[in-house]
Protein backbone atom coordinates (compact mmCIF):
# COMPACT_ATOMS: atom_id res chain seq x y z
CA MET A 1 3.03 -16.83 -12.96
CA TYR A 2 2.44 -17.45 -9.29
CA ILE A 3 -0.03 -16.01 -6.81
CA GLY A 4 1.06 -15.28 -3.26
CA ILE A 5 -1.42 -14.87 -0.40
CA MET A 6 -0.38 -13.39 2.92
CA SER A 7 -2.47 -12.42 5.93
CA GLY A 8 -0.20 -11.53 8.81
CA THR A 9 -0.41 -11.06 12.56
CA SER A 10 -1.69 -7.49 12.20
CA LEU A 11 -4.92 -8.86 10.62
CA ASP A 12 -5.26 -5.70 8.55
CA GLY A 13 -6.27 -7.61 5.43
CA ILE A 14 -5.38 -10.28 2.88
CA ASP A 15 -2.53 -9.31 0.54
CA LEU A 16 -2.39 -10.90 -2.91
CA VAL A 17 0.20 -10.65 -5.67
CA VAL A 18 0.74 -12.31 -9.02
CA ALA A 19 4.37 -12.42 -10.12
CA ASP A 20 7.13 -14.14 -12.07
CA PHE A 21 10.62 -14.86 -10.75
CA GLU A 22 13.83 -14.95 -12.74
CA ASN A 23 17.50 -13.99 -12.29
CA HIS A 24 17.15 -12.96 -8.65
CA SER A 25 14.30 -10.59 -9.39
CA ALA A 26 10.55 -10.54 -9.00
CA GLN A 27 8.32 -9.15 -11.72
CA LEU A 28 5.14 -8.00 -10.01
CA HIS A 29 2.18 -8.04 -12.40
CA HIS A 30 -0.67 -7.17 -10.07
CA GLN A 31 -1.32 -6.71 -6.38
CA ALA A 32 -4.30 -5.98 -4.15
CA MET A 33 -5.42 -6.14 -0.55
CA TYR A 34 -8.85 -7.33 0.55
CA PRO A 35 -10.38 -6.80 4.00
CA PHE A 36 -11.27 -9.68 6.28
CA PRO A 37 -14.97 -10.13 6.95
CA GLU A 38 -15.39 -8.52 10.38
CA GLU A 39 -16.88 -11.69 11.88
CA LEU A 40 -13.84 -13.66 10.75
CA LYS A 41 -11.37 -11.05 11.99
CA SER A 42 -12.89 -10.97 15.47
CA LYS A 43 -12.82 -14.78 15.67
CA LEU A 44 -9.16 -14.87 14.63
CA ILE A 45 -8.11 -12.27 17.19
CA ALA A 46 -9.94 -14.10 19.96
CA LEU A 47 -8.44 -17.43 18.91
CA SER A 48 -4.87 -16.11 18.77
CA GLN A 49 -5.22 -14.53 22.22
CA GLY A 50 -6.17 -17.77 23.90
CA VAL A 51 -9.92 -17.26 24.30
CA PRO A 52 -11.43 -20.72 24.96
CA VAL A 53 -12.64 -22.29 21.74
CA THR A 54 -14.15 -25.63 20.72
CA LEU A 55 -12.85 -27.94 18.03
CA GLN A 56 -16.03 -27.21 16.08
CA GLU A 57 -15.20 -23.49 16.12
CA ILE A 58 -11.62 -24.13 14.94
CA GLY A 59 -12.93 -26.25 12.10
CA THR A 60 -15.47 -23.59 11.18
CA ILE A 61 -12.79 -20.86 11.09
CA ASP A 62 -10.51 -23.09 8.98
CA HIS A 63 -13.32 -23.60 6.46
CA PHE A 64 -14.40 -19.92 6.53
CA LEU A 65 -10.81 -18.81 5.86
CA GLY A 66 -10.30 -21.29 3.04
CA LYS A 67 -13.44 -20.07 1.30
CA THR A 68 -12.46 -16.45 1.91
CA TYR A 69 -9.02 -16.96 0.37
CA ALA A 70 -10.58 -18.70 -2.63
CA ARG A 71 -13.14 -15.94 -3.09
CA VAL A 72 -10.54 -13.16 -3.09
CA VAL A 73 -8.28 -15.11 -5.47
CA ASN A 74 -11.12 -15.41 -7.99
CA GLN A 75 -11.94 -11.71 -7.56
CA PHE A 76 -8.25 -10.85 -7.90
CA LEU A 77 -7.93 -12.81 -11.15
CA GLY A 78 -10.94 -11.04 -12.62
CA GLU A 79 -9.58 -7.62 -11.69
CA ALA A 80 -6.18 -8.50 -13.21
CA GLY A 81 -7.72 -9.83 -16.44
CA LEU A 82 -6.37 -13.33 -15.79
CA ASN A 83 -7.86 -16.80 -15.42
CA ALA A 84 -6.86 -19.92 -13.55
CA LYS A 85 -4.94 -21.36 -16.52
CA ASP A 86 -2.55 -18.40 -16.39
CA ILE A 87 -1.38 -19.34 -12.89
CA THR A 88 1.10 -22.13 -12.16
CA ALA A 89 0.34 -22.25 -8.44
CA ILE A 90 -0.87 -20.33 -5.41
CA GLY A 91 1.35 -20.00 -2.35
CA CYS A 92 -0.86 -19.43 0.69
CA HIS A 93 0.68 -18.84 4.09
CA GLY A 94 -2.66 -19.20 5.91
CA GLN A 95 -3.48 -17.36 9.12
CA THR A 96 -1.29 -18.12 12.12
CA VAL A 97 -3.38 -18.55 15.25
CA PHE A 98 -0.66 -20.01 17.47
CA HIS A 99 3.10 -20.42 17.17
CA GLN A 100 5.00 -22.34 19.85
CA PRO A 101 8.40 -23.33 18.46
CA ASP A 102 10.03 -24.19 21.80
CA GLY A 103 9.34 -26.69 24.57
CA PRO A 104 8.83 -30.46 24.53
CA MET A 105 6.01 -30.34 21.95
CA PRO A 106 6.77 -27.50 19.51
CA PHE A 107 4.03 -26.71 17.01
CA THR A 108 2.63 -24.01 14.80
CA MET A 109 -0.95 -23.67 13.56
CA GLN A 110 -2.08 -21.86 10.43
CA LEU A 111 -5.73 -22.02 9.41
CA GLY A 112 -7.28 -21.71 5.96
CA ASP A 113 -8.15 -25.02 4.26
CA ALA A 114 -5.94 -25.26 1.16
CA ASN A 115 -8.15 -28.04 -0.25
CA LEU A 116 -10.92 -25.46 -0.57
CA ILE A 117 -8.59 -22.94 -2.21
CA ALA A 118 -7.47 -25.46 -4.84
CA ALA A 119 -10.97 -26.80 -5.45
CA LEU A 120 -12.72 -23.43 -5.69
CA THR A 121 -10.07 -21.69 -7.82
CA GLY A 122 -8.99 -24.62 -9.99
CA ILE A 123 -5.33 -23.79 -9.21
CA THR A 124 -2.68 -25.96 -7.58
CA THR A 125 -2.11 -24.57 -4.09
CA VAL A 126 0.93 -24.83 -1.83
CA ALA A 127 0.36 -24.28 1.90
CA ASP A 128 1.53 -25.47 5.33
CA PHE A 129 5.01 -23.98 4.85
CA ARG A 130 6.27 -24.01 8.42
CA ARG A 131 5.85 -27.51 9.82
CA LYS A 132 8.50 -29.32 7.74
CA ASP A 133 11.14 -26.93 9.06
CA MET A 134 9.89 -27.55 12.61
CA ALA A 135 9.95 -31.31 12.02
CA LEU A 136 13.66 -30.87 11.33
CA GLY A 137 14.19 -29.06 14.62
CA GLY A 138 13.71 -25.51 13.33
CA GLN A 139 11.58 -22.62 14.50
CA GLY A 140 9.48 -22.69 11.34
CA ALA A 141 10.18 -18.96 11.20
CA PRO A 142 11.08 -16.58 9.85
CA LEU A 143 10.76 -17.95 6.33
CA VAL A 144 11.14 -14.73 4.34
CA PRO A 145 14.97 -14.41 4.77
CA ALA A 146 15.52 -16.98 1.99
CA PHE A 147 13.51 -14.77 -0.36
CA HIS A 148 15.25 -11.64 0.92
CA ARG A 149 18.59 -13.27 0.04
CA TYR A 150 17.22 -14.14 -3.42
CA LEU A 151 16.24 -10.50 -4.04
CA PHE A 152 18.80 -8.44 -2.14
CA GLY A 153 21.70 -10.76 -1.34
CA LYS A 154 24.07 -9.71 -4.12
CA SER A 155 25.75 -6.67 -2.61
CA ASP A 156 29.21 -5.71 -1.36
CA GLN A 157 27.78 -4.11 1.76
CA THR A 158 25.61 -5.29 4.64
CA ARG A 159 21.90 -5.07 4.02
CA VAL A 160 19.25 -5.74 6.60
CA VAL A 161 15.70 -6.30 5.38
CA LEU A 162 13.26 -5.31 8.10
CA ASN A 163 9.64 -6.35 7.79
CA ILE A 164 7.36 -4.50 10.20
CA GLY A 165 3.98 -6.19 10.23
CA GLY A 166 2.20 -7.15 13.42
CA ILE A 167 5.54 -8.64 14.46
CA ALA A 168 8.87 -7.25 13.24
CA ASN A 169 11.53 -9.51 11.75
CA ILE A 170 14.94 -8.95 10.22
CA SER A 171 17.12 -10.65 7.61
CA VAL A 172 20.80 -9.73 7.91
CA LEU A 173 22.53 -10.09 4.54
CA ALA A 174 26.26 -9.52 4.98
CA PRO A 175 28.85 -10.29 2.27
CA ASN A 176 30.43 -13.75 2.57
CA THR A 177 28.44 -14.47 5.73
CA PRO A 178 25.52 -16.86 6.38
CA VAL A 179 22.15 -15.14 6.54
CA ILE A 180 20.84 -14.28 10.01
CA GLY A 181 17.13 -13.82 10.50
CA PHE A 182 14.66 -13.76 13.39
CA ASP A 183 11.68 -11.97 14.91
CA THR A 184 12.79 -8.94 16.92
CA GLY A 185 9.46 -8.55 18.76
CA PRO A 186 6.37 -6.35 18.36
CA GLY A 187 5.94 -4.45 15.13
CA ASN A 188 2.60 -2.68 14.62
CA MET A 189 0.50 -5.08 16.67
CA LEU A 190 0.51 -3.34 20.06
CA MET A 191 0.23 0.14 18.55
CA ASP A 192 -2.73 -0.95 16.43
CA SER A 193 -4.44 -2.56 19.41
CA TRP A 194 -3.94 0.51 21.62
CA ILE A 195 -5.23 3.08 19.13
CA ASP A 196 -8.20 0.85 18.30
CA GLN A 197 -9.12 0.73 21.99
CA HIS A 198 -8.85 4.49 22.54
CA LEU A 199 -9.64 6.15 19.21
CA GLN A 200 -11.43 3.31 17.39
CA GLN A 201 -8.94 3.58 14.54
CA PRO A 202 -7.33 0.48 12.97
CA TYR A 203 -3.86 2.02 12.93
CA ASP A 204 -1.95 5.22 13.75
CA LYS A 205 -1.59 6.95 10.37
CA ASP A 206 1.95 8.28 9.96
CA GLY A 207 2.43 7.70 13.70
CA ALA A 208 0.70 11.03 14.32
CA TRP A 209 -0.92 10.03 17.62
CA ALA A 210 2.36 8.56 18.89
CA ALA A 211 4.13 11.77 17.88
CA SER A 212 1.69 13.77 20.04
CA GLY A 213 2.80 11.89 23.16
CA THR A 214 5.97 11.64 25.24
CA VAL A 215 7.91 8.43 25.74
CA ASN A 216 7.61 7.06 29.26
CA ILE A 217 11.13 5.80 29.96
CA ALA A 218 10.11 3.68 32.95
CA LEU A 219 7.47 1.86 30.91
CA LEU A 220 9.84 1.44 27.97
CA THR A 221 12.56 -0.01 30.19
CA GLN A 222 10.11 -2.40 31.82
CA MET A 223 8.77 -3.65 28.49
CA LEU A 224 12.28 -4.14 27.10
CA ASN A 225 13.00 -6.38 30.09
CA ASP A 226 10.64 -9.01 28.68
CA ASP A 227 12.52 -12.32 28.47
CA TYR A 228 11.97 -12.58 24.72
CA PHE A 229 14.34 -9.72 23.94
CA ALA A 230 17.22 -11.45 25.75
CA LEU A 231 16.86 -14.70 23.76
CA SER A 232 19.50 -15.55 21.18
CA ALA A 233 18.55 -16.40 17.61
CA PRO A 234 17.04 -18.49 16.19
CA LYS A 235 13.86 -17.19 17.77
CA SER A 236 10.33 -16.34 16.68
CA THR A 237 7.20 -14.99 18.30
CA GLY A 238 3.68 -13.77 17.57
CA ARG A 239 0.34 -12.56 18.85
CA GLU A 240 0.20 -15.39 21.38
CA ARG A 241 2.89 -13.52 23.35
CA PHE A 242 2.76 -9.81 22.47
CA HIS A 243 -0.98 -9.24 22.63
CA HIS A 244 -3.19 -6.62 24.26
CA GLY A 245 -3.25 -8.57 27.52
CA TRP A 246 0.55 -8.38 27.66
CA LEU A 247 0.36 -4.59 27.42
CA THR A 248 -2.40 -4.42 30.04
CA ALA A 249 -0.22 -6.44 32.43
CA GLN A 250 2.69 -4.08 31.81
CA LEU A 251 0.57 -1.01 32.57
CA ALA A 252 -0.93 -2.61 35.69
CA GLN A 253 2.49 -2.43 37.33
CA PHE A 254 2.29 1.38 37.42
CA SER A 255 0.35 2.96 40.28
CA GLN A 256 -0.10 6.21 38.35
CA ALA A 257 -1.95 6.16 35.05
CA ILE A 258 -0.04 6.95 31.89
CA SER A 259 -1.86 9.01 29.28
CA PRO A 260 -2.99 7.04 26.21
CA GLU A 261 -0.90 9.12 23.81
CA ASP A 262 2.20 8.62 25.98
CA VAL A 263 1.61 4.87 25.92
CA GLN A 264 1.37 5.02 22.12
CA ALA A 265 4.60 7.02 21.91
CA THR A 266 6.29 4.45 24.14
CA LEU A 267 5.01 1.52 22.08
CA LEU A 268 6.42 3.10 18.92
CA VAL A 269 9.86 3.46 20.51
CA LEU A 270 9.59 -0.10 21.88
CA THR A 271 9.31 -1.34 18.30
CA ALA A 272 12.18 0.85 17.08
CA GLN A 273 14.48 0.16 20.02
CA SER A 274 13.93 -3.60 20.11
CA ILE A 275 14.94 -3.64 16.43
CA ALA A 276 17.93 -1.34 16.95
CA ASN A 277 19.17 -3.42 19.88
CA GLU A 278 19.70 -6.33 17.48
CA LEU A 279 21.85 -4.33 15.07
CA SER A 280 25.34 -2.95 15.54
CA ASN A 281 26.23 0.55 14.47
CA ASP A 282 29.74 -0.80 13.89
CA ASP A 283 28.52 -2.79 10.89
CA ALA A 284 26.26 -0.11 9.48
CA GLY A 285 24.83 -0.55 6.01
CA GLU A 286 21.38 -0.30 4.43
CA LEU A 287 18.25 -0.97 6.46
CA LEU A 288 15.52 -1.77 3.92
CA VAL A 289 12.08 -1.53 5.52
CA CYS A 290 8.90 -3.15 4.26
CA GLY A 291 5.46 -3.95 5.66
CA GLY A 292 2.95 -1.53 7.14
CA GLY A 293 5.56 0.00 9.45
CA ALA A 294 7.44 1.43 6.48
CA ARG A 295 4.52 3.84 5.99
CA ASN A 296 4.67 5.05 9.60
CA THR A 297 6.63 8.29 9.29
CA ALA A 298 7.27 8.62 13.02
CA LEU A 299 8.47 5.01 13.26
CA MET A 300 10.87 5.44 10.36
CA LYS A 301 12.28 8.56 12.06
CA ALA A 302 12.64 6.65 15.33
CA LEU A 303 14.57 3.92 13.54
CA GLN A 304 16.92 6.43 11.97
CA THR A 305 17.44 8.11 15.35
CA ALA A 306 18.20 4.78 17.02
CA LEU A 307 20.54 3.73 14.19
CA PRO A 308 22.28 6.96 13.13
CA ARG A 309 24.96 5.27 11.00
CA TRP A 310 22.51 3.15 9.02
CA HIS A 311 20.84 4.26 5.80
CA VAL A 312 17.17 3.65 6.59
CA MET A 313 14.87 3.45 3.56
CA PRO A 314 11.80 1.57 2.30
CA THR A 315 12.42 -1.39 0.01
CA ASP A 316 10.61 0.66 -2.64
CA ALA A 317 13.90 2.56 -3.03
CA LYS A 318 15.37 -0.71 -4.35
CA GLY A 319 12.50 -1.27 -6.76
CA VAL A 320 10.53 -3.73 -4.62
CA GLU A 321 7.09 -2.66 -3.41
CA GLY A 322 7.20 -3.01 0.36
CA ASP A 323 3.52 -3.74 0.79
CA SER A 324 3.82 -6.75 -1.51
CA LEU A 325 7.05 -8.30 -0.22
CA GLU A 326 5.62 -10.94 2.12
CA ALA A 327 3.00 -12.10 -0.38
CA LEU A 328 5.76 -12.23 -3.01
CA ALA A 329 7.78 -14.43 -0.66
CA PHE A 330 5.03 -17.04 -0.47
CA ALA A 331 4.51 -16.97 -4.23
CA TRP A 332 8.27 -17.63 -4.52
CA LEU A 333 8.08 -20.42 -1.91
CA ALA A 334 5.33 -22.06 -3.99
CA ARG A 335 7.68 -21.92 -6.97
CA GLN A 336 10.46 -23.47 -4.88
CA ALA A 337 8.14 -26.27 -3.78
CA LEU A 338 7.00 -27.15 -7.29
CA ASN A 339 10.61 -27.07 -8.51
CA GLY A 340 11.73 -29.34 -5.67
CA GLU A 341 14.08 -26.68 -4.29
CA PRO A 342 14.70 -25.69 -0.65
CA GLY A 343 12.68 -22.88 0.88
CA ASN A 344 14.25 -22.60 4.32
CA LEU A 345 17.64 -21.42 5.57
CA PRO A 346 18.80 -23.73 8.39
CA GLU A 347 21.16 -21.06 9.69
CA VAL A 348 18.10 -18.84 10.22
CA THR A 349 15.49 -21.26 11.53
CA GLY A 350 17.73 -23.76 13.31
CA ALA A 351 16.54 -26.71 11.22
CA SER A 352 18.97 -29.59 10.76
CA ARG A 353 19.00 -29.19 6.98
CA ALA A 354 17.60 -27.28 4.05
CA CYS A 355 14.38 -28.71 2.66
CA ARG A 356 11.46 -28.07 0.36
CA LEU A 357 8.64 -26.38 2.27
CA GLY A 358 4.90 -26.70 1.82
CA ALA A 359 2.31 -29.33 1.04
CA ILE A 360 0.91 -29.35 -2.51
CA TYR A 361 -2.86 -29.49 -3.04
CA HIS A 362 -4.07 -30.23 -6.57
CA PRO A 363 -7.47 -29.04 -7.79
CA ASP A 364 -8.37 -32.38 -9.45
């Protein structure tokens, strides 16, 4: 059995799963989500938004995260009635605080000291999944399409797996065609930030607040003109680009204030439309949605409206719990690493070749 740990750009918590993998399926034994300590969450948001920080503070956050991951793994094992000897390895994505895949010095930074995780849990830990792909000229993202192909790739029709976390990303699985996968742009991140500012709520449950507003077409058009949306794949992005300051700059270009609920409605359609713009209605198939966005009723309706010929459904309809999919992916990537098997798809990331991903940290 393998444990997967995922804490994404939305910073809504730490997802853990324990699972086995066989015959292109995942057997999920147990899953849970644990909240970030508030002090840690605030530090991570500030760090990812470019607030000046010292090397000492980065080191402190790295240590704090490593201990936090280890603590929740030990709690998770107790709740599942398991012990360290039952687990082959932990796959820990870490927390991305900056992702810059382009330019003369491309890099990505995930914090959460895997040495601490291995030492404090007694379990071999695989981490640092993205940098080998980048060393081979890739974007280091998205990494989940390889797992999506493993789970959903055997079909005679086109399937697109859409993960809507803080950032949204797609994996296009078409018969007899190489996998395509990339980040489409904002997922829940901007909506979560906006409702937190105005209603002090961490997220818009069912998209109810967005549904109470009216889409501002001028704002939507302006936001969709961001250069990122015109880029060709492979491409990837994160909180370092689509953060609250980005939204503030967009709103500053309007002389007349837009009501908060109308902004929320517009942000919801921005997510849906930026996804729909990457898909053709001519090749309609199944759109399998996972991540927090799959629970946003208004967002799911907006996706179906924007893609009328697609069958939009949560991955749960295919027997895979959507809230666990990303953590499952990193448990599977840990398995790939220990088995010496590739974890990336060069056609997705742009790397020069397939390779094993992740550094292995032993507890002894």
